[in-house]
Amino acid sequence: MSEADQPAIEARGLVKRYGRITAVDEVDLTVSPGDVYGYLGPNGAGKTTTLRMALGLIRPDAGSVKLFGRDPLLEGIRALEGVAGFVEAPRFYPYLNGRCNLELVAALDGDGAATRIDEALDIVELSDRARDRVGGYSHGMRQRLGIAGALLRDPKLLILDEPATGLDPAGMRDMRLLIRRLADEGMTVLLSSHLMAEVEELCDRVVILGRGRVRYEGSLDELIATTGGRYELRTTDDDRAAQIATVQPGIGDVTRAGARGLTFTADEPAATALSVALGEAGVGIAALVPRTATLEELFLRMTEDDAGLRDGGLRAALAEQPVEVRA
């Protein structure tokens, strides 16, 4: 298999332990070229630890991880060719301006990186602030400058760890638009985020980690589709509608939804037959809406038993410090 056909990230049986704590427990994941891949999990679920193993920053206790078929532990810096981004937060010299910071990054990268500074600043819409000191940048501007620094490497895989955290609504919108534009241009993006709406809008595949284990990995559409078959119904006479729905073939789990309305489970033909039955009984339908769970609801359902881990000692045990991914 040629390098172009290799997964951007492929982890198999990945394990990392810190004393008695297993931070990452038999994690398998596959990020294919062209994916916008959502990387989800509560605090302490092992997301950052997994990323660090993928980038060769820490050594796994078991398993393997490869970037475009290359193992960072075996091939060192060569394994990071075509890979850029940041883990937790990009770091810059606050007393230098944005352009000077990027020039320093480009000097480390070489390979024509300096020639891409203007283009990178333009992509992240910081050209007009490039001569200003980074110490005066807003949080959102520093995040965008971090992406600009990553783009100097002309990456095939961009790893972004919580890029919209701490941004105001306008900054979140701008970050989403930027990530969407990069993905539309063919870049593979791994997006680690706590913002479910952001992931739901941007990503086509996701992995959900809980207590260091994979709770789900695959298509986002397929995950949400598994929750289909539930409907919300509002009528002119909800009491009568509930009586009819309860005895109607194919209708299940009829539940009152607050002061007004019902919910029930059914396939599409059964829901259609119910609407006919309600009409024949003289019950008017104000709304009949199929409902699927949101990604946030599914995420909480899969990780709701992780509250103790989030509040417990894993973060202290790991003592993780922000690391910028540069190679």
Protein backbone atom coordinates (compact mmCIF):
# COMPACT_ATOMS: atom_id res chain seq x y z
CA MET A 1 0.00 0.00 0.00
CA SER A 2 1.41 3.40 -0.98
CA GLU A 3 1.81 6.14 1.59
CA ALA A 4 -1.02 8.11 -0.05
CA ASP A 5 -3.39 5.21 0.62
CA GLN A 6 -2.38 4.77 4.27
CA PRO A 7 -4.63 6.02 7.09
CA ALA A 8 -3.60 9.45 8.35
CA ILE A 9 -3.66 7.99 11.88
CA GLU A 10 -3.99 4.31 12.72
CA ALA A 11 -3.88 3.18 16.36
CA ARG A 12 -4.24 -0.44 17.41
CA GLY A 13 -4.40 -1.73 20.99
CA LEU A 14 -2.90 1.48 22.36
CA VAL A 15 -2.26 1.39 26.12
CA LYS A 16 -0.70 3.91 28.51
CA ARG A 17 -0.46 3.45 32.27
CA TYR A 18 0.65 5.82 35.01
CA GLY A 19 1.20 3.69 38.08
CA ARG A 20 -2.14 2.08 38.97
CA ILE A 21 -4.06 4.34 36.56
CA THR A 22 -4.68 3.18 32.99
CA ALA A 23 -5.05 6.41 31.07
CA VAL A 24 -5.50 4.76 27.65
CA ASP A 25 -6.89 1.24 27.51
CA GLU A 26 -6.73 -0.78 24.25
CA VAL A 27 -7.66 2.14 21.99
CA ASP A 28 -8.22 1.47 18.29
CA LEU A 29 -8.94 4.31 15.90
CA THR A 30 -8.53 5.07 12.22
CA VAL A 31 -8.43 8.53 10.65
CA SER A 32 -8.64 8.19 6.88
CA PRO A 33 -7.28 10.77 4.42
CA GLY A 34 -9.91 13.45 3.86
CA ASP A 35 -11.70 12.85 7.16
CA VAL A 36 -12.83 15.64 9.43
CA TYR A 37 -12.55 13.48 12.53
CA GLY A 38 -14.10 14.45 15.85
CA TYR A 39 -12.12 13.33 18.88
CA LEU A 40 -14.37 13.42 21.93
CA GLY A 41 -14.27 12.52 25.59
CA PRO A 42 -14.68 14.11 29.04
CA ASN A 43 -11.69 15.53 30.87
CA GLY A 44 -9.40 12.70 31.90
CA ALA A 45 -10.69 10.29 29.24
CA GLY A 46 -7.24 9.89 27.66
CA LYS A 47 -7.58 12.15 24.61
CA THR A 48 -4.42 14.19 25.10
CA THR A 49 -2.42 11.12 26.14
CA THR A 50 -3.47 9.34 22.95
CA LEU A 51 -2.49 12.33 20.83
CA ARG A 52 0.91 12.50 22.48
CA MET A 53 1.54 8.83 21.78
CA ALA A 54 0.47 9.34 18.17
CA LEU A 55 3.01 12.12 17.81
CA GLY A 56 5.83 10.21 19.48
CA LEU A 57 5.94 12.59 22.46
CA ILE A 58 5.41 9.74 24.93
CA ARG A 59 5.89 6.00 24.55
CA PRO A 60 2.91 3.61 24.77
CA ASP A 61 3.06 0.67 27.16
CA ALA A 62 1.42 -1.54 24.53
CA GLY A 63 0.02 -1.29 21.04
CA SER A 64 1.07 0.80 18.09
CA VAL A 65 0.20 4.03 16.33
CA LYS A 66 1.20 5.14 12.85
CA LEU A 67 0.94 8.36 10.86
CA PHE A 68 0.49 7.68 7.15
CA GLY A 69 1.99 4.24 7.83
CA ARG A 70 5.00 5.58 9.75
CA ASP A 71 5.70 4.79 13.41
CA PRO A 72 7.06 7.87 15.27
CA LEU A 73 8.95 5.65 17.72
CA LEU A 74 10.78 3.88 14.91
CA GLU A 75 11.15 6.63 12.32
CA GLY A 76 11.40 9.68 14.57
CA ILE A 77 10.93 13.05 12.94
CA ARG A 78 10.33 11.53 9.50
CA ALA A 79 7.05 10.07 10.78
CA LEU A 80 5.79 13.63 11.35
CA GLU A 81 6.23 14.75 7.75
CA GLY A 82 2.95 16.28 6.58
CA VAL A 83 1.61 16.51 10.16
CA ALA A 84 1.08 19.74 12.10
CA GLY A 85 -1.14 21.31 14.73
CA PHE A 86 -1.15 21.84 18.47
CA VAL A 87 -2.04 19.89 21.59
CA GLU A 88 -3.93 21.94 24.22
CA ALA A 89 -2.59 25.40 23.24
CA PRO A 90 -0.23 27.03 20.74
CA ARG A 91 2.64 28.95 22.36
CA PHE A 92 4.33 32.10 21.04
CA TYR A 93 6.69 34.83 22.23
CA PRO A 94 4.29 37.56 23.43
CA TYR A 95 6.83 40.39 23.01
CA LEU A 96 7.29 39.63 19.30
CA ASN A 97 4.75 40.37 16.60
CA GLY A 98 2.81 37.69 14.78
CA ARG A 99 5.01 37.70 11.70
CA CYS A 100 8.23 37.42 13.72
CA ASN A 101 6.82 34.45 15.59
CA LEU A 102 5.95 32.75 12.32
CA GLU A 103 9.41 33.54 10.93
CA LEU A 104 10.95 31.70 13.89
CA VAL A 105 8.67 28.73 13.30
CA ALA A 106 9.53 28.76 9.60
CA ALA A 107 13.26 28.83 10.37
CA LEU A 108 12.84 25.64 12.39
CA ASP A 109 10.80 23.95 9.68
CA GLY A 110 12.82 24.97 6.65
CA ASP A 111 11.69 23.36 3.39
CA GLY A 112 10.24 26.60 2.01
CA ALA A 113 8.11 27.32 5.09
CA ALA A 114 9.10 31.00 5.09
CA THR A 115 7.58 31.45 1.63
CA ARG A 116 4.19 30.40 3.00
CA ILE A 117 3.97 33.00 5.80
CA ASP A 118 1.94 35.54 3.83
CA GLU A 119 -0.45 32.89 2.56
CA ALA A 120 -0.91 31.42 6.06
CA LEU A 121 -1.62 34.85 7.56
CA ASP A 122 -4.14 35.49 4.82
CA ILE A 123 -5.89 32.15 5.36
CA VAL A 124 -6.38 32.80 9.09
CA GLU A 125 -7.26 36.47 8.42
CA LEU A 126 -4.42 37.97 10.44
CA SER A 127 -2.58 39.83 7.68
CA ASP A 128 -3.63 43.22 9.04
CA ARG A 129 -2.42 42.35 12.57
CA ALA A 130 0.82 40.61 11.59
CA ARG A 131 2.97 43.57 12.79
CA ASP A 132 1.26 43.73 16.22
CA ARG A 133 2.76 42.08 19.28
CA VAL A 134 1.21 38.71 20.11
CA GLY A 135 0.88 39.83 23.73
CA GLY A 136 -1.88 42.16 22.55
CA TYR A 137 -3.75 39.46 20.60
CA SER A 138 -7.09 38.15 21.78
CA HIS A 139 -7.38 34.46 22.62
CA GLY A 140 -9.05 33.80 19.28
CA MET A 141 -6.27 35.57 17.39
CA ARG A 142 -3.63 33.47 19.17
CA GLN A 143 -5.55 30.32 18.24
CA ARG A 144 -5.65 31.41 14.60
CA LEU A 145 -1.95 32.28 14.71
CA GLY A 146 -1.35 28.74 15.97
CA ILE A 147 -3.14 27.38 12.92
CA ALA A 148 -1.10 29.70 10.71
CA GLY A 149 2.06 28.27 12.24
CA ALA A 150 0.83 24.76 11.49
CA LEU A 151 -0.02 25.69 7.90
CA LEU A 152 3.59 26.72 7.26
CA ARG A 153 4.37 23.01 7.06
CA ASP A 154 1.85 22.56 4.23
CA PRO A 155 0.33 19.67 6.22
CA LYS A 156 -1.74 16.76 4.96
CA LEU A 157 -2.97 16.15 8.53
CA LEU A 158 -3.90 19.00 10.88
CA ILE A 159 -4.39 18.15 14.57
CA LEU A 160 -6.38 20.74 16.55
CA ASP A 161 -6.92 20.30 20.28
CA GLU A 162 -9.83 22.46 21.53
CA PRO A 163 -9.24 25.29 19.02
CA ALA A 164 -12.51 27.09 19.91
CA THR A 165 -12.31 26.81 23.71
CA GLY A 166 -12.54 30.24 25.34
CA LEU A 167 -13.71 32.00 22.19
CA ASP A 168 -16.75 34.25 22.07
CA PRO A 169 -19.61 33.31 19.69
CA ALA A 170 -18.14 35.32 16.82
CA GLY A 171 -14.73 33.74 17.38
CA MET A 172 -16.28 30.25 17.42
CA ARG A 173 -18.05 30.99 14.16
CA ASP A 174 -14.83 32.20 12.54
CA MET A 175 -12.95 29.13 13.77
CA ARG A 176 -15.61 26.80 12.36
CA LEU A 177 -15.50 28.57 9.01
CA LEU A 178 -11.72 28.31 8.92
CA ILE A 179 -11.69 24.59 9.72
CA ARG A 180 -14.45 23.95 7.18
CA ARG A 181 -12.51 25.82 4.49
CA LEU A 182 -9.33 23.82 5.17
CA ALA A 183 -11.27 20.55 5.08
CA ASP A 184 -13.01 21.52 1.85
CA GLU A 185 -9.58 22.04 0.31
CA GLY A 186 -8.76 18.39 1.04
CA MET A 187 -6.87 18.61 4.33
CA THR A 188 -7.42 15.81 6.84
CA VAL A 189 -8.41 17.34 10.20
CA LEU A 190 -8.51 15.72 13.63
CA LEU A 191 -10.58 17.98 15.87
CA SER A 192 -10.57 17.41 19.62
CA SER A 193 -13.37 19.44 21.16
CA HIS A 194 -15.83 19.69 24.04
CA LEU A 195 -18.21 21.69 21.85
CA MET A 196 -20.66 19.10 20.54
CA ALA A 197 -22.43 21.50 18.19
CA GLU A 198 -19.08 22.34 16.60
CA VAL A 199 -18.25 18.67 16.06
CA GLU A 200 -21.73 17.88 14.77
CA GLU A 201 -21.46 20.70 12.23
CA LEU A 202 -17.92 19.97 11.04
CA CYS A 203 -17.12 16.29 11.42
CA ASP A 204 -18.05 13.26 9.33
CA ARG A 205 -16.52 10.64 11.65
CA VAL A 206 -16.02 10.60 15.42
CA VAL A 207 -14.48 8.61 18.23
CA ILE A 208 -15.85 8.91 21.77
CA LEU A 209 -13.52 7.98 24.62
CA GLY A 210 -14.57 7.24 28.19
CA ARG A 211 -12.26 6.10 30.97
CA GLY A 212 -9.54 5.52 28.40
CA ARG A 213 -11.66 3.17 26.28
CA VAL A 214 -13.37 3.68 22.93
CA ARG A 215 -17.13 3.91 23.43
CA TYR A 216 -17.86 4.54 19.74
CA GLU A 217 -15.86 5.02 16.57
CA GLY A 218 -17.37 5.52 13.13
CA SER A 219 -19.66 7.65 11.03
CA LEU A 220 -21.36 10.52 12.83
CA ASP A 221 -24.45 10.12 10.64
CA GLU A 222 -24.67 6.42 11.47
CA LEU A 223 -24.33 7.13 15.19
CA ILE A 224 -27.15 9.66 15.17
CA ALA A 225 -29.29 7.46 12.91
CA THR A 226 -29.24 4.71 15.56
CA THR A 227 -31.46 6.93 17.71
CA GLY A 228 -34.15 7.34 15.05
CA GLY A 229 -37.66 6.00 15.32
CA ARG A 230 -38.90 8.43 17.95
CA TYR A 231 -41.49 11.09 17.17
CA GLU A 232 -42.84 14.20 18.85
CA LEU A 233 -46.58 14.81 18.46
CA ARG A 234 -48.69 17.85 19.35
CA THR A 235 -52.44 17.78 18.77
CA THR A 236 -55.68 19.60 19.56
CA ASP A 237 -56.49 16.89 22.15
CA ASP A 238 -53.38 15.23 23.56
CA ASP A 239 -55.34 13.05 26.00
CA ARG A 240 -57.40 11.53 23.21
CA ALA A 241 -54.30 11.24 21.00
CA ALA A 242 -52.50 9.30 23.76
CA GLN A 243 -55.42 6.85 24.01
CA ILE A 244 -55.43 6.25 20.26
CA ALA A 245 -51.62 5.95 20.03
CA THR A 246 -51.49 3.41 22.87
CA VAL A 247 -53.70 0.93 21.02
CA GLN A 248 -52.40 1.68 17.53
CA PRO A 249 -50.29 -1.17 15.98
CA GLY A 250 -46.59 -0.39 15.74
CA ILE A 251 -46.67 2.48 18.25
CA GLY A 252 -44.69 2.11 21.47
CA ASP A 253 -43.46 4.00 24.52
CA VAL A 254 -46.19 6.68 24.41
CA THR A 255 -45.12 9.42 26.85
CA ARG A 256 -46.49 12.82 27.73
CA ALA A 257 -43.97 15.56 26.87
CA GLY A 258 -44.45 18.27 29.46
CA ALA A 259 -47.61 20.37 29.53
CA ARG A 260 -48.36 19.77 25.88
CA GLY A 261 -47.52 17.05 23.42
CA LEU A 262 -46.51 13.40 23.30
CA THR A 263 -43.53 11.35 22.25
CA PHE A 264 -43.64 7.79 20.95
CA THR A 265 -41.56 5.24 19.06
CA ALA A 266 -42.58 3.92 15.66
CA ASP A 267 -41.32 3.23 12.19
CA GLU A 268 -42.44 5.56 9.40
CA PRO A 269 -45.44 3.46 8.20
CA ALA A 270 -46.78 3.15 11.75
CA ALA A 271 -46.41 6.90 12.32
CA THR A 272 -48.27 7.55 9.07
CA ALA A 273 -51.07 5.18 10.08
CA LEU A 274 -51.35 6.95 13.44
CA SER A 275 -51.79 10.31 11.74
CA VAL A 276 -54.64 8.83 9.67
CA ALA A 277 -56.24 7.34 12.79
CA LEU A 278 -56.05 10.67 14.60
CA GLY A 279 -57.68 12.44 11.66
CA GLU A 280 -60.50 9.90 11.53
CA ALA A 281 -61.08 10.44 15.25
CA GLY A 282 -61.32 14.19 14.77
CA VAL A 283 -58.03 14.95 16.53
CA GLY A 284 -56.12 17.70 14.75
CA ILE A 285 -52.35 17.37 14.36
CA ALA A 286 -50.41 20.54 15.16
CA ALA A 287 -47.00 18.88 14.71
CA LEU A 288 -45.65 15.40 14.04
CA VAL A 289 -41.85 15.52 13.99
CA PRO A 290 -39.30 12.68 13.82
CA ARG A 291 -36.65 13.16 16.48
CA THR A 292 -33.08 11.89 16.67
CA ALA A 293 -30.75 12.42 19.60
CA THR A 294 -28.18 15.17 19.34
CA LEU A 295 -24.49 14.33 19.52
CA GLU A 296 -24.42 15.97 22.96
CA GLU A 297 -27.17 13.67 24.23
CA LEU A 298 -25.38 10.61 22.87
CA PHE A 299 -22.05 11.76 24.28
CA LEU A 300 -23.52 12.22 27.76
CA ARG A 301 -25.28 8.87 27.53
CA MET A 302 -22.00 7.10 26.70
CA THR A 303 -19.84 8.92 29.26
CA GLU A 304 -22.23 9.73 32.12
CA ASP A 305 -20.47 7.24 34.42
CA ASP A 306 -17.16 9.08 33.99
CA ALA A 307 -17.95 11.96 36.38
CA GLY A 308 -15.75 10.51 39.10
CA LEU A 309 -12.85 10.19 36.67
CA ARG A 310 -13.24 13.79 35.55
CA ASP A 311 -13.08 14.98 39.16
CA GLY A 312 -10.54 12.41 40.32
CA GLY A 313 -6.84 11.96 40.21
CA LEU A 314 -6.02 11.20 36.59
CA ARG A 315 -5.19 14.77 35.64
CA ALA A 316 -2.93 15.06 38.66
CA ALA A 317 -1.35 11.69 37.94
CA LEU A 318 -0.59 12.64 34.36
CA ALA A 319 0.59 16.15 35.28
CA GLU A 320 0.20 16.98 31.61
CA GLN A 321 1.70 20.22 30.35
CA PRO A 322 0.65 21.94 27.08
CA VAL A 323 2.77 20.77 24.18
CA GLU A 324 2.86 22.34 20.72
CA VAL A 325 3.28 19.86 17.91
CA ARG A 326 6.24 20.90 15.81
CA ALA A 327 8.66 18.77 13.89
